[in-house]
Every structure is written in C-alpha cells, then in structure tokens.
Amino acid sequence: MLLLLFYPVLIMPKHIPVEIVGFLKGQTCANICCVDEDNLPYCFTCFYVFDEVQQCLYFKSQMNTHHAQLLEANGKSAGTILEDHLDKILVKGIQFRGLVKRNSIFDVAASIQYHAHYPMAVAVPGDMWTVYLQDIKFTDNSKGFGHKAHWSVNEAEAEE
C-alpha cells in the first residue's frame, strides 16, 4: 500500500533583514500608536517579544485599558522602538506599521514566548496581542549618519 503525504506549500514573505532582526530581538519596549473613534492618535508603551518566524511582535495588555479597546475596534497601528540604552550620537531605532489583533486563548505560542522572556508577567492578568508587521524602517547611525534599512510585507509578496 502506498501512502502519500501532502504538505501544504506555504508562501512566506521575504525574511526581515538580519540587521533589523538583531535590533528587534535586542530591545524590550515598543511605543505603539492607534487611533480613537474620532481618528485622533493615542499612544502607549509596552514590553514586547519579537517572533522572527511569524514576523510579528507580541505584547500583553488588559482589555480594560483604553488602548486595548481602541485596538479591538481598529487594529491599524504604527510605532517606534528605540534602544534600551540610548546612545545619543549613534542612534538606532525602528519605525513600523502593522495590524494589531488580540490573540485567542488557543494561541499559546505567543504566550509561551512572551512569558519565557518576562516570567514575572505570568502573575499579571491580561491578554496576549500580536502586531503583524507590515512595514519597517530601521535607522542605524553607527553605520553612518542616516543609514536606513527597509522591509515591507507588500514588497516581499510582490517579489514572490
């Protein structure tokens, strides 16, 4: 008897450049901006974990926060990530756009990664959220003033 196994072919976007991945993995805090019902910006800061394979950020927040309620209604977001220890001359930082969604209770990968990185967060109630990254601009002045690296999920899809 012949047993054939079929594996689905997944088309993943182009990998995020190594220099951007290294920066995202090395930092802990993101500033995320969402919009309210009047289309006014609202920003918050959170601890995050970067998932290189899924090309996203995970953070934890309680549903009773203002930003969680705004993100639940409209997940469009933008944000920045600066170095945890800022060098004012050799500035490095990320600007990003993405779509934020609250994770279901069945999405344990996000929770495992986040709580492995921040074990004390297990004691804090809240939901896990995912920022599905769409565009990234990375500034790295250590490679020359104004050095930039870019990544976009749309450009990556167009190259496939």
C-alpha atoms as a PDB file:
ATOM      1  CA  MET A   1       0.000   0.000   0.000  1.00  0.00           C
ATOM      2  CA  LEU A   2       1.363   3.362  -0.997  1.00  0.00           C
ATOM      3  CA  LEU A   3       0.942   6.168   1.470  1.00  0.00           C
ATOM      4  CA  LEU A   4       1.322   9.637   0.093  1.00  0.00           C
ATOM      5  CA  LEU A   5       1.685  12.608   2.343  1.00  0.00           C
ATOM      6  CA  PHE A   6       0.877  16.011   1.020  1.00  0.00           C
ATOM      7  CA  TYR A   7       2.426  19.025   2.668  1.00  0.00           C
ATOM      8  CA  PRO A   8       0.850  22.389   2.105  1.00  0.00           C
ATOM      9  CA  VAL A   9       3.095  24.825   0.329  1.00  0.00           C
ATOM     10  CA  LEU A  10       3.323  27.987   2.367  1.00  0.00           C
ATOM     11  CA  ILE A  11       4.405  31.193   0.744  1.00  0.00           C
ATOM     12  CA  MET A  12       6.086  33.226   3.418  1.00  0.00           C
ATOM     13  CA  PRO A  13       7.086  36.828   2.889  1.00  0.00           C
ATOM     14  CA  LYS A  14      10.730  37.610   2.367  1.00  0.00           C
ATOM     15  CA  HIS A  15      12.717  37.441   5.571  1.00  0.00           C
ATOM     16  CA  ILE A  16      13.227  40.606   7.536  1.00  0.00           C
ATOM     17  CA  PRO A  17      16.875  41.721   7.085  1.00  0.00           C
ATOM     18  CA  VAL A  18      19.318  40.363   9.664  1.00  0.00           C
ATOM     19  CA  GLU A  19      20.271  43.812  10.979  1.00  0.00           C
ATOM     20  CA  ILE A  20      16.610  44.596  11.719  1.00  0.00           C
ATOM     21  CA  VAL A  21      16.016  41.184  13.323  1.00  0.00           C
ATOM     22  CA  GLY A  22      19.053  41.627  15.573  1.00  0.00           C
ATOM     23  CA  PHE A  23      17.846  45.021  16.718  1.00  0.00           C
ATOM     24  CA  LEU A  24      14.273  43.854  17.389  1.00  0.00           C
ATOM     25  CA  LYS A  25      15.486  40.861  19.392  1.00  0.00           C
ATOM     26  CA  GLY A  26      17.808  43.035  21.473  1.00  0.00           C
ATOM     27  CA  GLN A  27      15.242  45.541  22.756  1.00  0.00           C
ATOM     28  CA  THR A  28      12.333  45.291  25.177  1.00  0.00           C
ATOM     29  CA  CYS A  29       9.945  48.265  24.814  1.00  0.00           C
ATOM     30  CA  ALA A  30       7.795  49.492  21.951  1.00  0.00           C
ATOM     31  CA  ASN A  31       5.757  52.666  21.659  1.00  0.00           C
ATOM     32  CA  ILE A  32       2.586  51.867  19.747  1.00  0.00           C
ATOM     33  CA  CYS A  33       0.093  54.345  18.345  1.00  0.00           C
ATOM     34  CA  CYS A  34      -3.512  53.553  17.492  1.00  0.00           C
ATOM     35  CA  VAL A  35      -6.453  55.802  16.652  1.00  0.00           C
ATOM     36  CA  ASP A  36      -9.617  56.514  18.582  1.00  0.00           C
ATOM     37  CA  GLU A  37     -13.185  56.811  17.335  1.00  0.00           C
ATOM     38  CA  ASP A  38     -12.511  60.446  16.312  1.00  0.00           C
ATOM     39  CA  ASN A  39      -9.425  59.398  14.308  1.00  0.00           C
ATOM     40  CA  LEU A  40      -7.140  61.006  16.898  1.00  0.00           C
ATOM     41  CA  PRO A  41      -3.854  59.278  17.736  1.00  0.00           C
ATOM     42  CA  TYR A  42      -3.389  57.524  21.065  1.00  0.00           C
ATOM     43  CA  CYS A  43      -0.008  56.081  22.095  1.00  0.00           C
ATOM     44  CA  PHE A  44       1.077  53.577  24.718  1.00  0.00           C
ATOM     45  CA  THR A  45       4.293  51.831  25.711  1.00  0.00           C
ATOM     46  CA  CYS A  46       4.621  48.101  26.265  1.00  0.00           C
ATOM     47  CA  PHE A  47       7.140  45.323  26.695  1.00  0.00           C
ATOM     48  CA  TYR A  48       7.297  43.132  23.608  1.00  0.00           C
ATOM     49  CA  VAL A  49       8.874  39.971  22.222  1.00  0.00           C
ATOM     50  CA  PHE A  50       9.777  39.647  18.549  1.00  0.00           C
ATOM     51  CA  ASP A  51       8.884  36.419  16.709  1.00  0.00           C
ATOM     52  CA  GLU A  52      11.221  36.186  13.717  1.00  0.00           C
ATOM     53  CA  VAL A  53       9.410  33.278  12.070  1.00  0.00           C
ATOM     54  CA  GLN A  54       5.953  34.884  12.222  1.00  0.00           C
ATOM     55  CA  GLN A  55       7.403  38.381  11.618  1.00  0.00           C
ATOM     56  CA  CYS A  56       5.431  39.918  14.452  1.00  0.00           C
ATOM     57  CA  LEU A  57       5.623  41.422  17.925  1.00  0.00           C
ATOM     58  CA  TYR A  58       3.788  40.029  20.956  1.00  0.00           C
ATOM     59  CA  PHE A  59       2.720  42.124  23.936  1.00  0.00           C
ATOM     60  CA  LYS A  60       0.385  41.702  26.887  1.00  0.00           C
ATOM     61  CA  SER A  61      -2.367  44.085  27.930  1.00  0.00           C
ATOM     62  CA  GLN A  62      -5.611  44.015  29.845  1.00  0.00           C
ATOM     63  CA  MET A  63      -8.871  44.525  27.951  1.00  0.00           C
ATOM     64  CA  ASN A  64      -9.970  47.306  30.319  1.00  0.00           C
ATOM     65  CA  THR A  65      -7.191  49.612  29.070  1.00  0.00           C
ATOM     66  CA  HIS A  66      -8.066  52.410  26.685  1.00  0.00           C
ATOM     67  CA  HIS A  67      -5.593  51.253  24.036  1.00  0.00           C
ATOM     68  CA  ALA A  68      -6.898  47.662  24.118  1.00  0.00           C
ATOM     69  CA  GLN A  69     -10.432  48.877  23.483  1.00  0.00           C
ATOM     70  CA  LEU A  70      -9.220  51.080  20.623  1.00  0.00           C
ATOM     71  CA  LEU A  71      -7.189  48.253  19.077  1.00  0.00           C
ATOM     72  CA  GLU A  72     -10.119  45.867  19.350  1.00  0.00           C
ATOM     73  CA  ALA A  73     -12.197  48.319  17.296  1.00  0.00           C
ATOM     74  CA  ASN A  74      -9.444  49.256  14.818  1.00  0.00           C
ATOM     75  CA  GLY A  75      -6.179  47.324  14.753  1.00  0.00           C
ATOM     76  CA  LYS A  76      -4.293  49.669  12.436  1.00  0.00           C
ATOM     77  CA  SER A  77      -1.191  50.850  14.247  1.00  0.00           C
ATOM     78  CA  ALA A  78       2.238  52.384  13.954  1.00  0.00           C
ATOM     79  CA  GLY A  79       5.061  52.558  16.413  1.00  0.00           C
ATOM     80  CA  THR A  80       8.673  53.054  17.316  1.00  0.00           C
ATOM     81  CA  ILE A  81      11.317  51.050  19.105  1.00  0.00           C
ATOM     82  CA  LEU A  82      14.462  52.720  20.423  1.00  0.00           C
ATOM     83  CA  GLU A  83      17.469  51.094  22.007  1.00  0.00           C
ATOM     84  CA  ASP A  84      17.004  50.202  25.663  1.00  0.00           C
ATOM     85  CA  HIS A  85      20.266  52.074  26.359  1.00  0.00           C
ATOM     86  CA  LEU A  86      20.187  55.049  24.015  1.00  0.00           C
ATOM     87  CA  ASP A  87      23.441  56.372  22.553  1.00  0.00           C
ATOM     88  CA  LYS A  88      22.557  59.950  21.618  1.00  0.00           C
ATOM     89  CA  ILE A  89      25.208  60.107  18.883  1.00  0.00           C
ATOM     90  CA  LEU A  90      24.898  56.655  17.312  1.00  0.00           C
ATOM     91  CA  VAL A  91      21.108  56.453  17.414  1.00  0.00           C
ATOM     92  CA  LYS A  92      19.429  53.229  16.322  1.00  0.00           C
ATOM     93  CA  GLY A  93      15.692  52.796  16.071  1.00  0.00           C
ATOM     94  CA  ILE A  94      12.724  51.255  14.325  1.00  0.00           C
ATOM     95  CA  GLN A  95       9.621  52.854  12.879  1.00  0.00           C
ATOM     96  CA  PHE A  96       6.901  50.367  11.959  1.00  0.00           C
ATOM     97  CA  ARG A  97       3.355  49.991  10.736  1.00  0.00           C
ATOM     98  CA  GLY A  98       1.241  46.967  11.473  1.00  0.00           C
ATOM     99  CA  LEU A  99      -2.076  45.402  12.264  1.00  0.00           C
ATOM    100  CA  VAL A 100      -2.794  44.513  15.903  1.00  0.00           C
ATOM    101  CA  LYS A 101      -5.105  41.688  16.934  1.00  0.00           C
ATOM    102  CA  ARG A 102      -5.941  40.177  20.298  1.00  0.00           C
ATOM    103  CA  ASN A 103      -4.885  36.543  20.436  1.00  0.00           C
ATOM    104  CA  SER A 104      -7.345  33.770  21.157  1.00  0.00           C
ATOM    105  CA  ILE A 105      -6.837  31.583  24.209  1.00  0.00           C
ATOM    106  CA  PHE A 106      -5.712  28.835  21.840  1.00  0.00           C
ATOM    107  CA  ASP A 107      -2.730  30.807  20.533  1.00  0.00           C
ATOM    108  CA  VAL A 108      -0.270  29.530  23.104  1.00  0.00           C
ATOM    109  CA  ALA A 109       2.905  30.217  21.092  1.00  0.00           C
ATOM    110  CA  ALA A 110       2.683  33.955  21.777  1.00  0.00           C
ATOM    111  CA  SER A 111       2.106  33.401  25.486  1.00  0.00           C
ATOM    112  CA  ILE A 112       4.952  30.898  25.794  1.00  0.00           C
ATOM    113  CA  GLN A 113       7.431  33.200  24.067  1.00  0.00           C
ATOM    114  CA  TYR A 114       6.341  36.280  26.000  1.00  0.00           C
ATOM    115  CA  HIS A 115       6.333  34.665  29.438  1.00  0.00           C
ATOM    116  CA  ALA A 116       9.663  32.929  28.786  1.00  0.00           C
ATOM    117  CA  HIS A 117      11.141  36.383  28.177  1.00  0.00           C
ATOM    118  CA  TYR A 118       9.212  38.109  31.006  1.00  0.00           C
ATOM    119  CA  PRO A 119       8.500  35.411  33.637  1.00  0.00           C
ATOM    120  CA  MET A 120       7.090  37.900  36.160  1.00  0.00           C
ATOM    121  CA  ALA A 121       4.330  38.751  33.655  1.00  0.00           C
ATOM    122  CA  VAL A 122       2.700  35.385  34.410  1.00  0.00           C
ATOM    123  CA  ALA A 123       1.403  36.957  37.631  1.00  0.00           C
ATOM    124  CA  VAL A 124      -0.156  39.885  35.766  1.00  0.00           C
ATOM    125  CA  PRO A 125      -3.608  39.308  34.259  1.00  0.00           C
ATOM    126  CA  GLY A 126      -4.090  40.252  30.644  1.00  0.00           C
ATOM    127  CA  ASP A 127      -4.497  39.100  27.085  1.00  0.00           C
ATOM    128  CA  MET A 128      -1.755  38.451  24.562  1.00  0.00           C
ATOM    129  CA  TRP A 129      -1.777  40.661  21.479  1.00  0.00           C
ATOM    130  CA  THR A 130       0.070  40.376  18.165  1.00  0.00           C
ATOM    131  CA  VAL A 131       1.389  43.187  15.977  1.00  0.00           C
ATOM    132  CA  TYR A 132       1.540  41.770  12.451  1.00  0.00           C
ATOM    133  CA  LEU A 133       4.341  43.884  10.991  1.00  0.00           C
ATOM    134  CA  GLN A 134       3.673  45.400   7.568  1.00  0.00           C
ATOM    135  CA  ASP A 135       6.447  47.979   7.112  1.00  0.00           C
ATOM    136  CA  ILE A 136       9.707  48.605   8.962  1.00  0.00           C
ATOM    137  CA  LYS A 137      12.264  51.384   8.649  1.00  0.00           C
ATOM    138  CA  PHE A 138      15.444  50.861  10.679  1.00  0.00           C
ATOM    139  CA  THR A 139      17.805  53.774  11.266  1.00  0.00           C
ATOM    140  CA  ASP A 140      21.345  52.852  12.336  1.00  0.00           C
ATOM    141  CA  ASN A 141      23.661  55.847  12.670  1.00  0.00           C
ATOM    142  CA  SER A 142      26.521  53.568  13.799  1.00  0.00           C
ATOM    143  CA  LYS A 143      26.875  52.678  10.090  1.00  0.00           C
ATOM    144  CA  GLY A 144      26.938  56.313   9.005  1.00  0.00           C
ATOM    145  CA  PHE A 145      24.599  59.186   9.695  1.00  0.00           C
ATOM    146  CA  GLY A 146      21.163  58.461   8.275  1.00  0.00           C
ATOM    147  CA  HIS A 147      21.844  54.807   7.345  1.00  0.00           C
ATOM    148  CA  LYS A 148      18.483  53.111   6.775  1.00  0.00           C
ATOM    149  CA  ALA A 149      17.260  49.599   6.097  1.00  0.00           C
ATOM    150  CA  HIS A 150      13.687  48.964   4.940  1.00  0.00           C
ATOM    151  CA  TRP A 151      11.361  45.970   4.890  1.00  0.00           C
ATOM    152  CA  SER A 152       7.763  45.738   3.724  1.00  0.00           C
ATOM    153  CA  VAL A 153       5.488  42.718   3.637  1.00  0.00           C
ATOM    154  CA  ASN A 154       3.917  44.109   0.436  1.00  0.00           C
ATOM    155  CA  GLU A 155       7.268  44.354  -1.352  1.00  0.00           C
ATOM    156  CA  ALA A 156       8.145  40.873  -0.132  1.00  0.00           C
ATOM    157  CA  GLU A 157       4.866  39.477  -1.531  1.00  0.00           C
ATOM    158  CA  ALA A 158       5.466  41.224  -4.860  1.00  0.00           C
ATOM    159  CA  GLU A 159       8.876  39.522  -5.177  1.00  0.00           C
ATOM    160  CA  GLU A 160       7.422  36.021  -4.724  1.00  0.00           C
END
